[in-house]
C-alpha atoms as a PDB file:
ATOM      1  CA  MET A   1     -99.834 129.749 -40.446  1.00  0.00           C
ATOM      2  CA  ASP A   2     -97.270 127.210 -41.144  1.00  0.00           C
ATOM      3  CA  ALA A   3     -95.542 127.934 -37.828  1.00  0.00           C
ATOM      4  CA  SER A   4     -98.778 127.636 -35.883  1.00  0.00           C
ATOM      5  CA  ARG A   5     -99.534 124.321 -37.579  1.00  0.00           C
ATOM      6  CA  ARG A   6     -96.096 123.073 -36.637  1.00  0.00           C
ATOM      7  CA  GLN A   7     -96.610 124.300 -33.103  1.00  0.00           C
ATOM      8  CA  SER A   8     -99.997 122.557 -32.997  1.00  0.00           C
ATOM      9  CA  GLY A   9     -98.493 119.333 -34.421  1.00  0.00           C
ATOM     10  CA  ILE A  10     -95.698 119.434 -31.838  1.00  0.00           C
ATOM     11  CA  GLN A  11     -98.248 119.978 -29.075  1.00  0.00           C
ATOM     12  CA  GLN A  12    -100.253 116.986 -30.340  1.00  0.00           C
ATOM     13  CA  LEU A  13     -97.105 114.861 -30.431  1.00  0.00           C
ATOM     14  CA  LEU A  14     -96.193 115.903 -26.887  1.00  0.00           C
ATOM     15  CA  ALA A  15     -99.735 115.155 -25.698  1.00  0.00           C
ATOM     16  CA  ALA A  16     -99.671 111.756 -27.421  1.00  0.00           C
ATOM     17  CA  GLU A  17     -96.279 111.024 -25.866  1.00  0.00           C
ATOM     18  CA  GLN A  18     -97.569 111.946 -22.402  1.00  0.00           C
ATOM     19  CA  GLU A  19    -100.657 109.800 -22.930  1.00  0.00           C
ATOM     20  CA  ALA A  20     -98.491 106.874 -24.062  1.00  0.00           C
ATOM     21  CA  GLN A  21     -96.253 107.341 -21.017  1.00  0.00           C
ATOM     22  CA  GLN A  22     -99.338 107.282 -18.762  1.00  0.00           C
ATOM     23  CA  ILE A  23    -100.543 104.085 -20.447  1.00  0.00           C
ATOM     24  CA  VAL A  24     -97.107 102.473 -19.991  1.00  0.00           C
ATOM     25  CA  ASN A  25     -96.974 103.566 -16.330  1.00  0.00           C
ATOM     26  CA  ALA A  26    -100.480 102.191 -15.721  1.00  0.00           C
ATOM     27  CA  ALA A  27     -99.509  98.886 -17.346  1.00  0.00           C
ATOM     28  CA  ARG A  28     -96.367  98.683 -15.184  1.00  0.00           C
ATOM     29  CA  ALA A  29     -98.396  99.409 -12.059  1.00  0.00           C
ATOM     30  CA  ALA A  30    -100.967  96.768 -13.027  1.00  0.00           C
ATOM     31  CA  LYS A  31     -98.213  94.242 -13.702  1.00  0.00           C
ATOM     32  CA  SER A  32     -96.556  95.022 -10.381  1.00  0.00           C
ATOM     33  CA  ALA A  33     -99.880  94.676  -8.555  1.00  0.00           C
ATOM     34  CA  ARG A  34    -100.588  91.354 -10.277  1.00  0.00           C
ATOM     35  CA  LEU A  35     -97.124  90.066  -9.354  1.00  0.00           C
ATOM     36  CA  ARG A  36     -97.692  91.063  -5.716  1.00  0.00           C
ATOM     37  CA  GLN A  37    -101.084  89.352  -5.778  1.00  0.00           C
ATOM     38  CA  ALA A  38     -99.618  86.200  -7.338  1.00  0.00           C
ATOM     39  CA  LYS A  39     -96.846  86.153  -4.722  1.00  0.00           C
ATOM     40  CA  GLU A  40     -99.369  86.474  -1.892  1.00  0.00           C
ATOM     41  CA  GLU A  41    -101.520  83.691  -3.365  1.00  0.00           C
ATOM     42  CA  ALA A  42     -98.474  81.461  -3.722  1.00  0.00           C
ATOM     43  CA  GLU A  43     -97.452  82.133  -0.125  1.00  0.00           C
ATOM     44  CA  ARG A  44    -100.971  81.265   1.067  1.00  0.00           C
ATOM     45  CA  GLU A  45    -100.937  78.038  -0.954  1.00  0.00           C
ATOM     46  CA  ILE A  46     -97.494  77.154   0.400  1.00  0.00           C
ATOM     47  CA  ALA A  47     -98.652  77.807   3.960  1.00  0.00           C
ATOM     48  CA  GLU A  48    -101.747  75.632   3.427  1.00  0.00           C
ATOM     49  CA  TYR A  49     -99.680  72.826   1.880  1.00  0.00           C
ATOM     50  CA  ARG A  50     -97.150  73.016   4.723  1.00  0.00           C
ATOM     51  CA  LYS A  51    -100.003  72.860   7.237  1.00  0.00           C
ATOM     52  CA  GLN A  52    -101.432  69.761   5.521  1.00  0.00           C
ATOM     53  CA  MET A  53     -98.038  68.042   5.377  1.00  0.00           C
ATOM     54  CA  GLU A  54     -97.328  68.803   9.037  1.00  0.00           C
ATOM     55  CA  ALA A  55    -100.745  67.430  10.016  1.00  0.00           C
ATOM     56  CA  GLU A  56    -100.061  64.274   7.963  1.00  0.00           C
ATOM     57  CA  PHE A  57     -96.637  63.927   9.599  1.00  0.00           C
ATOM     58  CA  GLU A  58     -98.080  64.366  13.081  1.00  0.00           C
ATOM     59  CA  ARG A  59    -100.755  61.753  12.311  1.00  0.00           C
ATOM     60  CA  LYS A  60     -98.136  59.276  11.127  1.00  0.00           C
ATOM     61  CA  VAL A  61     -95.963  59.950  14.170  1.00  0.00           C
ATOM     62  CA  ALA A  62     -98.968  59.387  16.413  1.00  0.00           C
ATOM     63  CA  GLU A  63     -99.816  56.144  14.608  1.00  0.00           C
ATOM     64  CA  SER A  64     -96.282  54.817  14.794  1.00  0.00           C
ATOM     65  CA  SER A  65     -95.977  55.831  18.448  1.00  0.00           C
ATOM     66  CA  GLY A  66     -99.163  53.959  19.231  1.00  0.00           C
ATOM     67  CA  ASP A  67     -97.826  50.947  17.367  1.00  0.00           C
ATOM     68  CA  SER A  68     -94.495  51.061  19.164  1.00  0.00           C
ATOM     69  CA  GLY A  69     -96.178  49.926  22.406  1.00  0.00           C
ATOM     70  CA  ALA A  70     -97.745  47.029  20.541  1.00  0.00           C
ATOM     71  CA  ASN A  71     -94.431  46.287  18.828  1.00  0.00           C
ATOM     72  CA  VAL A  72     -92.592  46.231  22.147  1.00  0.00           C
ATOM     73  CA  LYS A  73     -95.182  43.876  23.610  1.00  0.00           C
ATOM     74  CA  ARG A  74     -94.985  41.612  20.541  1.00  0.00           C
ATOM     75  CA  LEU A  75     -91.184  41.558  20.678  1.00  0.00           C
ATOM     76  CA  GLU A  76     -91.244  40.735  24.388  1.00  0.00           C
ATOM     77  CA  GLN A  77     -93.600  37.823  23.711  1.00  0.00           C
ATOM     78  CA  GLU A  78     -91.438  36.548  20.848  1.00  0.00           C
ATOM     79  CA  THR A  79     -88.323  36.851  23.009  1.00  0.00           C
ATOM     80  CA  ALA A  80     -89.948  34.984  25.891  1.00  0.00           C
ATOM     81  CA  ALA A  81     -91.074  32.232  23.517  1.00  0.00           C
ATOM     82  CA  LYS A  82     -87.573  31.924  22.022  1.00  0.00           C
ATOM     83  CA  ILE A  83     -85.998  31.799  25.493  1.00  0.00           C
ATOM     84  CA  GLU A  84     -88.444  29.078  26.514  1.00  0.00           C
ATOM     85  CA  GLN A  85     -87.677  27.106  23.355  1.00  0.00           C
ATOM     86  CA  LEU A  86     -83.913  27.362  23.920  1.00  0.00           C
ATOM     87  CA  SER A  87     -84.318  26.380  27.582  1.00  0.00           C
ATOM     88  CA  GLN A  88     -86.288  23.271  26.562  1.00  0.00           C
ATOM     89  CA  GLN A  89     -83.646  22.330  23.973  1.00  0.00           C
ATOM     90  CA  ALA A  90     -80.892  22.821  26.525  1.00  0.00           C
ATOM     91  CA  ALA A  91     -82.768  20.729  29.092  1.00  0.00           C
ATOM     92  CA  SER A  92     -83.316  17.930  26.595  1.00  0.00           C
ATOM     93  CA  ILE A  93     -79.642  17.594  25.614  1.00  0.00           C
ATOM     94  CA  SER A  94     -78.166  18.472  29.007  1.00  0.00           C
ATOM     95  CA  PRO A  95     -77.805  14.828  30.221  1.00  0.00           C
ATOM     96  CA  GLU A  96     -76.033  13.854  27.003  1.00  0.00           C
ATOM     97  CA  VAL A  97     -73.625  16.785  27.300  1.00  0.00           C
ATOM     98  CA  ILE A  98     -72.902  15.925  30.937  1.00  0.00           C
ATOM     99  CA  GLN A  99     -72.182  12.284  30.027  1.00  0.00           C
ATOM    100  CA  MET A 100     -69.902  13.336  27.178  1.00  0.00           C
ATOM    101  CA  LEU A 101     -67.964  15.742  29.419  1.00  0.00           C
ATOM    102  CA  LEU A 102     -67.596  13.139  32.167  1.00  0.00           C
ATOM    103  CA  ARG A 103     -66.396  10.566  29.655  1.00  0.00           C
ATOM    104  CA  HIS A 104     -63.717  12.911  28.318  1.00  0.00           C
ATOM    105  CA  VAL A 105     -62.626  14.098  31.732  1.00  0.00           C
ATOM    106  CA  THR A 106     -62.400  10.622  33.255  1.00  0.00           C
ATOM    107  CA  THR A 107     -60.738   8.952  30.290  1.00  0.00           C
ATOM    108  CA  VAL A 108     -56.946   9.051  30.454  1.00  0.00           C
ATOM    109  CA  LYS A 109     -54.942   8.573  27.339  1.00  0.00           C
ATOM    110  CA  ASN A 110     -51.392   7.331  27.532  1.00  0.00           C
END
């Protein structure tokens, strides 16, 4: 009887070991599946975030492109005004400059 009890105990141990191995394998499979699921979720979130950032970038590019026409027009107006101002200043001092140049050219120093 002692041998059959040992045999029965060994069989129980082997069965418990197989059951434990199945539990460990199931846990590994569940962990692997959860990691795959988490990776897929992260990739979806990354794709959504990238899509939002690209849309924001495109919107800003469109806004700045629209403004560039206005900026060019504003700069042209400022440039024209500055040219007009410089032309008026030059016209106002032109007779004085001409007189000074004539005085220096016609004056002979010994």
